């Protein structure tokens, strides 16, 4: 998975190219947004909600209404 570990992010990102660091930051931002959305799901406070990455192929994007 492409999730950024915040504890070691500063050291890791210092050693990355700028493009790679930007991609990791974008992935982190998307993951954070997904967690915020999941927290608003009814029952999330008394149960659990799993946050997973979504496939980005054309068929899946059309199915979830996110196709360009």
PDB file of N, CA and C in Angstrom:
ATOM      1  N   UNK A   1       0.829  -1.175   0.000  1.00  0.00           N
ATOM      2  CA  UNK A   1       0.000   0.000   0.000  1.00  0.00           C
ATOM      3  C   UNK A   1       0.877   1.243   0.000  1.00  0.00           C
ATOM      4  N   UNK A   2       0.287   2.329  -0.383  1.00  0.00           N
ATOM      5  CA  UNK A   2       1.028   3.565  -0.533  1.00  0.00           C
ATOM      6  C   UNK A   2       0.693   4.557   0.559  1.00  0.00           C
ATOM      7  N   UNK A   3       0.683   4.130   1.807  1.00  0.00           N
ATOM      8  CA  UNK A   3       0.349   5.057   2.885  1.00  0.00           C
ATOM      9  C   UNK A   3       1.614   5.525   3.572  1.00  0.00           C
ATOM     10  N   UNK A   4       1.641   6.763   3.882  1.00  0.00           N
ATOM     11  CA  UNK A   4       2.804   7.414   4.443  1.00  0.00           C
ATOM     12  C   UNK A   4       2.834   7.248   5.963  1.00  0.00           C
ATOM     13  N   UNK A   5       3.929   6.803   6.474  1.00  0.00           N
ATOM     14  CA  UNK A   5       4.103   6.683   7.920  1.00  0.00           C
ATOM     15  C   UNK A   5       4.528   8.042   8.454  1.00  0.00           C
ATOM     16  N   UNK A   6       3.705   8.664   9.287  1.00  0.00           N
ATOM     17  CA  UNK A   6       3.994  10.012   9.773  1.00  0.00           C
ATOM     18  C   UNK A   6       5.197  10.066  10.704  1.00  0.00           C
ATOM     19  N   UNK A   7       5.482   9.003  11.410  1.00  0.00           N
ATOM     20  CA  UNK A   7       6.584   9.001  12.361  1.00  0.00           C
ATOM     21  C   UNK A   7       7.923   9.183  11.647  1.00  0.00           C
ATOM     22  N   UNK A   8       8.074   8.522  10.512  1.00  0.00           N
ATOM     23  CA  UNK A   8       9.355   8.600   9.817  1.00  0.00           C
ATOM     24  C   UNK A   8       9.253   9.394   8.518  1.00  0.00           C
ATOM     25  N   UNK A   9       8.168  10.095   8.312  1.00  0.00           N
ATOM     26  CA  UNK A   9       7.944  10.791   7.044  1.00  0.00           C
ATOM     27  C   UNK A   9       9.012  11.823   6.746  1.00  0.00           C
ATOM     28  N   UNK A  10       9.422  12.571   7.753  1.00  0.00           N
ATOM     29  CA  UNK A  10      10.393  13.627   7.510  1.00  0.00           C
ATOM     30  C   UNK A  10      11.711  13.065   6.987  1.00  0.00           C
ATOM     31  N   UNK A  11      12.227  12.006   7.596  1.00  0.00           N
ATOM     32  CA  UNK A  11      13.487  11.402   7.161  1.00  0.00           C
ATOM     33  C   UNK A  11      13.343  10.780   5.773  1.00  0.00           C
ATOM     34  N   UNK A  12      12.259  10.055   5.554  1.00  0.00           N
ATOM     35  CA  UNK A  12      12.057   9.377   4.278  1.00  0.00           C
ATOM     36  C   UNK A  12      11.906  10.398   3.159  1.00  0.00           C
ATOM     37  N   UNK A  13      11.109  11.428   3.383  1.00  0.00           N
ATOM     38  CA  UNK A  13      10.838  12.405   2.331  1.00  0.00           C
ATOM     39  C   UNK A  13      12.068  13.243   2.000  1.00  0.00           C
ATOM     40  N   UNK A  14      12.973  13.404   2.944  1.00  0.00           N
ATOM     41  CA  UNK A  14      14.213  14.133   2.664  1.00  0.00           C
ATOM     42  C   UNK A  14      15.060  13.393   1.634  1.00  0.00           C
ATOM     43  N   UNK A  15      14.925  12.075   1.586  1.00  0.00           N
ATOM     44  CA  UNK A  15      15.745  11.263   0.692  1.00  0.00           C
ATOM     45  C   UNK A  15      15.073  10.999  -0.648  1.00  0.00           C
ATOM     46  N   UNK A  16      13.842  11.457  -0.831  1.00  0.00           N
ATOM     47  CA  UNK A  16      13.096  11.229  -2.065  1.00  0.00           C
ATOM     48  C   UNK A  16      13.319  12.359  -3.061  1.00  0.00           C
ATOM     49  N   UNK A  17      13.049  12.031  -4.313  1.00  0.00           N
ATOM     50  CA  UNK A  17      13.013  13.101  -5.301  1.00  0.00           C
ATOM     51  C   UNK A  17      11.773  13.937  -5.005  1.00  0.00           C
ATOM     52  N   UNK A  18      11.742  15.142  -5.511  1.00  0.00           N
ATOM     53  CA  UNK A  18      10.602  16.020  -5.251  1.00  0.00           C
ATOM     54  C   UNK A  18       9.310  15.419  -5.786  1.00  0.00           C
ATOM     55  N   UNK A  19       9.363  14.811  -6.963  1.00  0.00           N
ATOM     56  CA  UNK A  19       8.162  14.205  -7.558  1.00  0.00           C
ATOM     57  C   UNK A  19       7.644  13.059  -6.688  1.00  0.00           C
ATOM     58  N   UNK A  20       8.543  12.210  -6.182  1.00  0.00           N
ATOM     59  CA  UNK A  20       8.128  11.096  -5.322  1.00  0.00           C
ATOM     60  C   UNK A  20       7.533  11.610  -4.012  1.00  0.00           C
ATOM     61  N   UNK A  21       8.143  12.637  -3.443  1.00  0.00           N
ATOM     62  CA  UNK A  21       7.635  13.210  -2.196  1.00  0.00           C
ATOM     63  C   UNK A  21       6.240  13.793  -2.411  1.00  0.00           C
ATOM     64  N   UNK A  22       6.026  14.462  -3.531  1.00  0.00           N
ATOM     65  CA  UNK A  22       4.705  15.013  -3.832  1.00  0.00           C
ATOM     66  C   UNK A  22       3.666  13.909  -3.976  1.00  0.00           C
ATOM     67  N   UNK A  23       4.034  12.794  -4.621  1.00  0.00           N
ATOM     68  CA  UNK A  23       3.107  11.673  -4.785  1.00  0.00           C
ATOM     69  C   UNK A  23       2.745  11.062  -3.437  1.00  0.00           C
ATOM     70  N   UNK A  24       3.738  10.883  -2.570  1.00  0.00           N
ATOM     71  CA  UNK A  24       3.462  10.335  -1.239  1.00  0.00           C
ATOM     72  C   UNK A  24       2.569  11.273  -0.442  1.00  0.00           C
ATOM     73  N   UNK A  25       2.802  12.567  -0.544  1.00  0.00           N
ATOM     74  CA  UNK A  25       1.970  13.533   0.166  1.00  0.00           C
ATOM     75  C   UNK A  25       0.534  13.493  -0.364  1.00  0.00           C
ATOM     76  N   UNK A  26       0.379  13.364  -1.682  1.00  0.00           N
ATOM     77  CA  UNK A  26      -0.959  13.265  -2.276  1.00  0.00           C
ATOM     78  C   UNK A  26      -1.680  12.014  -1.772  1.00  0.00           C
ATOM     79  N   UNK A  27      -0.967  10.893  -1.725  1.00  0.00           N
ATOM     80  CA  UNK A  27      -1.555   9.651  -1.210  1.00  0.00           C
ATOM     81  C   UNK A  27      -1.980   9.817   0.250  1.00  0.00           C
ATOM     82  N   UNK A  28      -1.127  10.458   1.042  1.00  0.00           N
ATOM     83  CA  UNK A  28      -1.443  10.692   2.449  1.00  0.00           C
ATOM     84  C   UNK A  28      -2.699  11.561   2.583  1.00  0.00           C
ATOM     85  N   UNK A  29      -2.778  12.604   1.761  1.00  0.00           N
ATOM     86  CA  UNK A  29      -3.924  13.507   1.803  1.00  0.00           C
ATOM     87  C   UNK A  29      -5.213  12.764   1.464  1.00  0.00           C
ATOM     88  N   UNK A  30      -5.174  11.926   0.429  1.00  0.00           N
ATOM     89  CA  UNK A  30      -6.359  11.147   0.049  1.00  0.00           C
ATOM     90  C   UNK A  30      -6.762  10.189   1.160  1.00  0.00           C
ATOM     91  N   UNK A  31      -5.794   9.550   1.788  1.00  0.00           N
ATOM     92  CA  UNK A  31      -6.074   8.609   2.864  1.00  0.00           C
ATOM     93  C   UNK A  31      -6.698   9.336   4.056  1.00  0.00           C
ATOM     94  N   UNK A  32      -6.163  10.500   4.392  1.00  0.00           N
ATOM     95  CA  UNK A  32      -6.704  11.301   5.489  1.00  0.00           C
ATOM     96  C   UNK A  32      -8.148  11.711   5.215  1.00  0.00           C
ATOM     97  N   UNK A  33      -8.426  12.124   3.972  1.00  0.00           N
ATOM     98  CA  UNK A  33      -9.796  12.484   3.598  1.00  0.00           C
ATOM     99  C   UNK A  33     -10.729  11.283   3.714  1.00  0.00           C
ATOM    100  N   UNK A  34     -10.251  10.110   3.318  1.00  0.00           N
ATOM    101  CA  UNK A  34     -11.069   8.897   3.403  1.00  0.00           C
ATOM    102  C   UNK A  34     -11.402   8.573   4.857  1.00  0.00           C
ATOM    103  N   UNK A  35     -10.456   8.763   5.745  1.00  0.00           N
ATOM    104  CA  UNK A  35     -10.702   8.516   7.172  1.00  0.00           C
ATOM    105  C   UNK A  35     -11.743   9.492   7.700  1.00  0.00           C
ATOM    106  N   UNK A  36     -11.672  10.745   7.282  1.00  0.00           N
ATOM    107  CA  UNK A  36     -12.639  11.744   7.725  1.00  0.00           C
ATOM    108  C   UNK A  36     -14.045  11.409   7.229  1.00  0.00           C
ATOM    109  N   UNK A  37     -14.160  10.917   6.002  1.00  0.00           N
ATOM    110  CA  UNK A  37     -15.462  10.501   5.471  1.00  0.00           C
ATOM    111  C   UNK A  37     -15.977   9.298   6.251  1.00  0.00           C
ATOM    112  N   UNK A  38     -15.103   8.325   6.492  1.00  0.00           N
ATOM    113  CA  UNK A  38     -15.498   7.114   7.210  1.00  0.00           C
ATOM    114  C   UNK A  38     -15.970   7.434   8.630  1.00  0.00           C
ATOM    115  N   UNK A  39     -15.396   8.439   9.233  1.00  0.00           N
ATOM    116  CA  UNK A  39     -15.788   8.803  10.602  1.00  0.00           C
ATOM    117  C   UNK A  39     -17.222   9.312  10.669  1.00  0.00           C
ATOM    118  N   UNK A  40     -17.775   9.772   9.552  1.00  0.00           N
ATOM    119  CA  UNK A  40     -19.153  10.277   9.534  1.00  0.00           C
ATOM    120  C   UNK A  40     -20.185   9.185   9.243  1.00  0.00           C
ATOM    121  N   UNK A  41     -19.734   7.964   9.009  1.00  0.00           N
ATOM    122  CA  UNK A  41     -20.657   6.862   8.742  1.00  0.00           C
ATOM    123  C   UNK A  41     -21.367   6.492  10.040  1.00  0.00           C
ATOM    124  N   UNK A  42     -22.715   6.415   9.996  1.00  0.00           N
ATOM    125  CA  UNK A  42     -23.448   6.038  11.219  1.00  0.00           C
ATOM    126  C   UNK A  42     -22.940   4.694  11.755  1.00  0.00           C
ATOM    127  N   UNK A  43     -22.713   4.642  12.995  1.00  0.00           N
ATOM    128  CA  UNK A  43     -22.242   3.405  13.611  1.00  0.00           C
ATOM    129  C   UNK A  43     -20.730   3.298  13.689  1.00  0.00           C
ATOM    130  N   UNK A  44     -20.012   4.223  13.086  1.00  0.00           N
ATOM    131  CA  UNK A  44     -18.548   4.150  13.111  1.00  0.00           C
ATOM    132  C   UNK A  44     -18.007   4.296  14.532  1.00  0.00           C
ATOM    133  N   UNK A  45     -18.754   5.002  15.384  1.00  0.00           N
ATOM    134  CA  UNK A  45     -18.290   5.220  16.751  1.00  0.00           C
ATOM    135  C   UNK A  45     -18.476   3.993  17.633  1.00  0.00           C
ATOM    136  N   UNK A  46     -19.370   3.082  17.240  1.00  0.00           N
ATOM    137  CA  UNK A  46     -19.590   1.902  18.072  1.00  0.00           C
ATOM    138  C   UNK A  46     -19.101   0.625  17.401  1.00  0.00           C
ATOM    139  N   UNK A  47     -18.662   0.726  16.172  1.00  0.00           N
ATOM    140  CA  UNK A  47     -18.172  -0.438  15.444  1.00  0.00           C
ATOM    141  C   UNK A  47     -16.858  -0.107  14.765  1.00  0.00           C
ATOM    142  N   UNK A  48     -16.724  -0.580  13.554  1.00  0.00           N
ATOM    143  CA  UNK A  48     -15.508  -0.259  12.816  1.00  0.00           C
ATOM    144  C   UNK A  48     -15.857  -0.017  11.350  1.00  0.00           C
ATOM    145  N   UNK A  49     -15.030   0.747  10.698  1.00  0.00           N
ATOM    146  CA  UNK A  49     -15.172   1.038   9.287  1.00  0.00           C
ATOM    147  C   UNK A  49     -13.808   0.789   8.659  1.00  0.00           C
ATOM    148  N   UNK A  50     -13.780   0.030   7.596  1.00  0.00           N
ATOM    149  CA  UNK A  50     -12.519  -0.255   6.927  1.00  0.00           C
ATOM    150  C   UNK A  50     -12.326   0.708   5.767  1.00  0.00           C
ATOM    151  N   UNK A  51     -11.150   1.312   5.703  1.00  0.00           N
ATOM    152  CA  UNK A  51     -10.808   2.230   4.622  1.00  0.00           C
ATOM    153  C   UNK A  51      -9.839   1.508   3.705  1.00  0.00           C
ATOM    154  N   UNK A  52     -10.233   1.365   2.442  1.00  0.00           N
ATOM    155  CA  UNK A  52      -9.396   0.665   1.458  1.00  0.00           C
ATOM    156  C   UNK A  52      -9.160   1.551   0.243  1.00  0.00           C
ATOM    157  N   UNK A  53      -8.043   1.346  -0.424  1.00  0.00           N
ATOM    158  CA  UNK A  53      -7.840   2.064  -1.680  1.00  0.00           C
ATOM    159  C   UNK A  53      -8.796   1.513  -2.742  1.00  0.00           C
ATOM    160  N   UNK A  54      -9.198   2.361  -3.663  1.00  0.00           N
ATOM    161  CA  UNK A  54     -10.104   1.963  -4.733  1.00  0.00           C
ATOM    162  C   UNK A  54      -9.294   1.790  -6.006  1.00  0.00           C
ATOM    163  N   UNK A  55      -9.593   0.744  -6.753  1.00  0.00           N
ATOM    164  CA  UNK A  55      -8.920   0.536  -8.029  1.00  0.00           C
ATOM    165  C   UNK A  55      -9.172   1.736  -8.923  1.00  0.00           C
ATOM    166  N   UNK A  56      -8.200   2.105  -9.716  1.00  0.00           N
ATOM    167  CA  UNK A  56      -8.323   3.293 -10.545  1.00  0.00           C
ATOM    168  C   UNK A  56      -8.435   2.975 -12.033  1.00  0.00           C
ATOM    169  N   UNK A  57      -8.914   1.781 -12.351  1.00  0.00           N
ATOM    170  CA  UNK A  57      -9.111   1.458 -13.761  1.00  0.00           C
ATOM    171  C   UNK A  57     -10.412   2.105 -14.250  1.00  0.00           C
ATOM    172  N   UNK A  58     -10.563   2.251 -15.546  1.00  0.00           N
ATOM    173  CA  UNK A  58     -11.704   2.963 -16.130  1.00  0.00           C
ATOM    174  C   UNK A  58     -13.041   2.355 -15.716  1.00  0.00           C
ATOM    175  N   UNK A  59     -13.141   1.043 -15.704  1.00  0.00           N
ATOM    176  CA  UNK A  59     -14.404   0.377 -15.350  1.00  0.00           C
ATOM    177  C   UNK A  59     -14.830   0.704 -13.917  1.00  0.00           C
ATOM    178  N   UNK A  60     -13.893   0.641 -12.987  1.00  0.00           N
ATOM    179  CA  UNK A  60     -14.210   0.938 -11.594  1.00  0.00           C
ATOM    180  C   UNK A  60     -14.590   2.399 -11.416  1.00  0.00           C
ATOM    181  N   UNK A  61     -13.850   3.292 -12.057  1.00  0.00           N
ATOM    182  CA  UNK A  61     -14.168   4.718 -11.952  1.00  0.00           C
ATOM    183  C   UNK A  61     -15.565   5.023 -12.484  1.00  0.00           C
ATOM    184  N   UNK A  62     -15.975   4.371 -13.572  1.00  0.00           N
ATOM    185  CA  UNK A  62     -17.329   4.552 -14.095  1.00  0.00           C
ATOM    186  C   UNK A  62     -18.351   4.039 -13.092  1.00  0.00           C
ATOM    187  N   UNK A  63     -18.074   2.894 -12.471  1.00  0.00           N
ATOM    188  CA  UNK A  63     -19.010   2.283 -11.539  1.00  0.00           C
ATOM    189  C   UNK A  63     -19.265   3.150 -10.309  1.00  0.00           C
ATOM    190  N   UNK A  64     -18.247   3.876  -9.871  1.00  0.00           N
ATOM    191  CA  UNK A  64     -18.429   4.717  -8.692  1.00  0.00           C
ATOM    192  C   UNK A  64     -18.752   6.169  -9.067  1.00  0.00           C
ATOM    193  N   UNK A  65     -18.898   6.414 -10.357  1.00  0.00           N
ATOM    194  CA  UNK A  65     -19.292   7.744 -10.819  1.00  0.00           C
ATOM    195  C   UNK A  65     -18.178   8.760 -10.812  1.00  0.00           C
ATOM    196  N   UNK A  66     -16.933   8.295 -10.900  1.00  0.00           N
ATOM    197  CA  UNK A  66     -15.798   9.204 -10.857  1.00  0.00           C
ATOM    198  C   UNK A  66     -15.029   9.249 -12.170  1.00  0.00           C
ATOM    199  N   UNK A  67     -15.606   8.689 -13.239  1.00  0.00           N
ATOM    200  CA  UNK A  67     -14.895   8.674 -14.525  1.00  0.00           C
ATOM    201  C   UNK A  67     -14.812  10.073 -15.093  1.00  0.00           C
ATOM    202  N   UNK A  68     -13.698  10.358 -15.725  1.00  0.00           N
ATOM    203  CA  UNK A  68     -13.497  11.703 -16.303  1.00  0.00           C
ATOM    204  C   UNK A  68     -14.221  11.854 -17.621  1.00  0.00           C
TER     205      UNK A  68
END
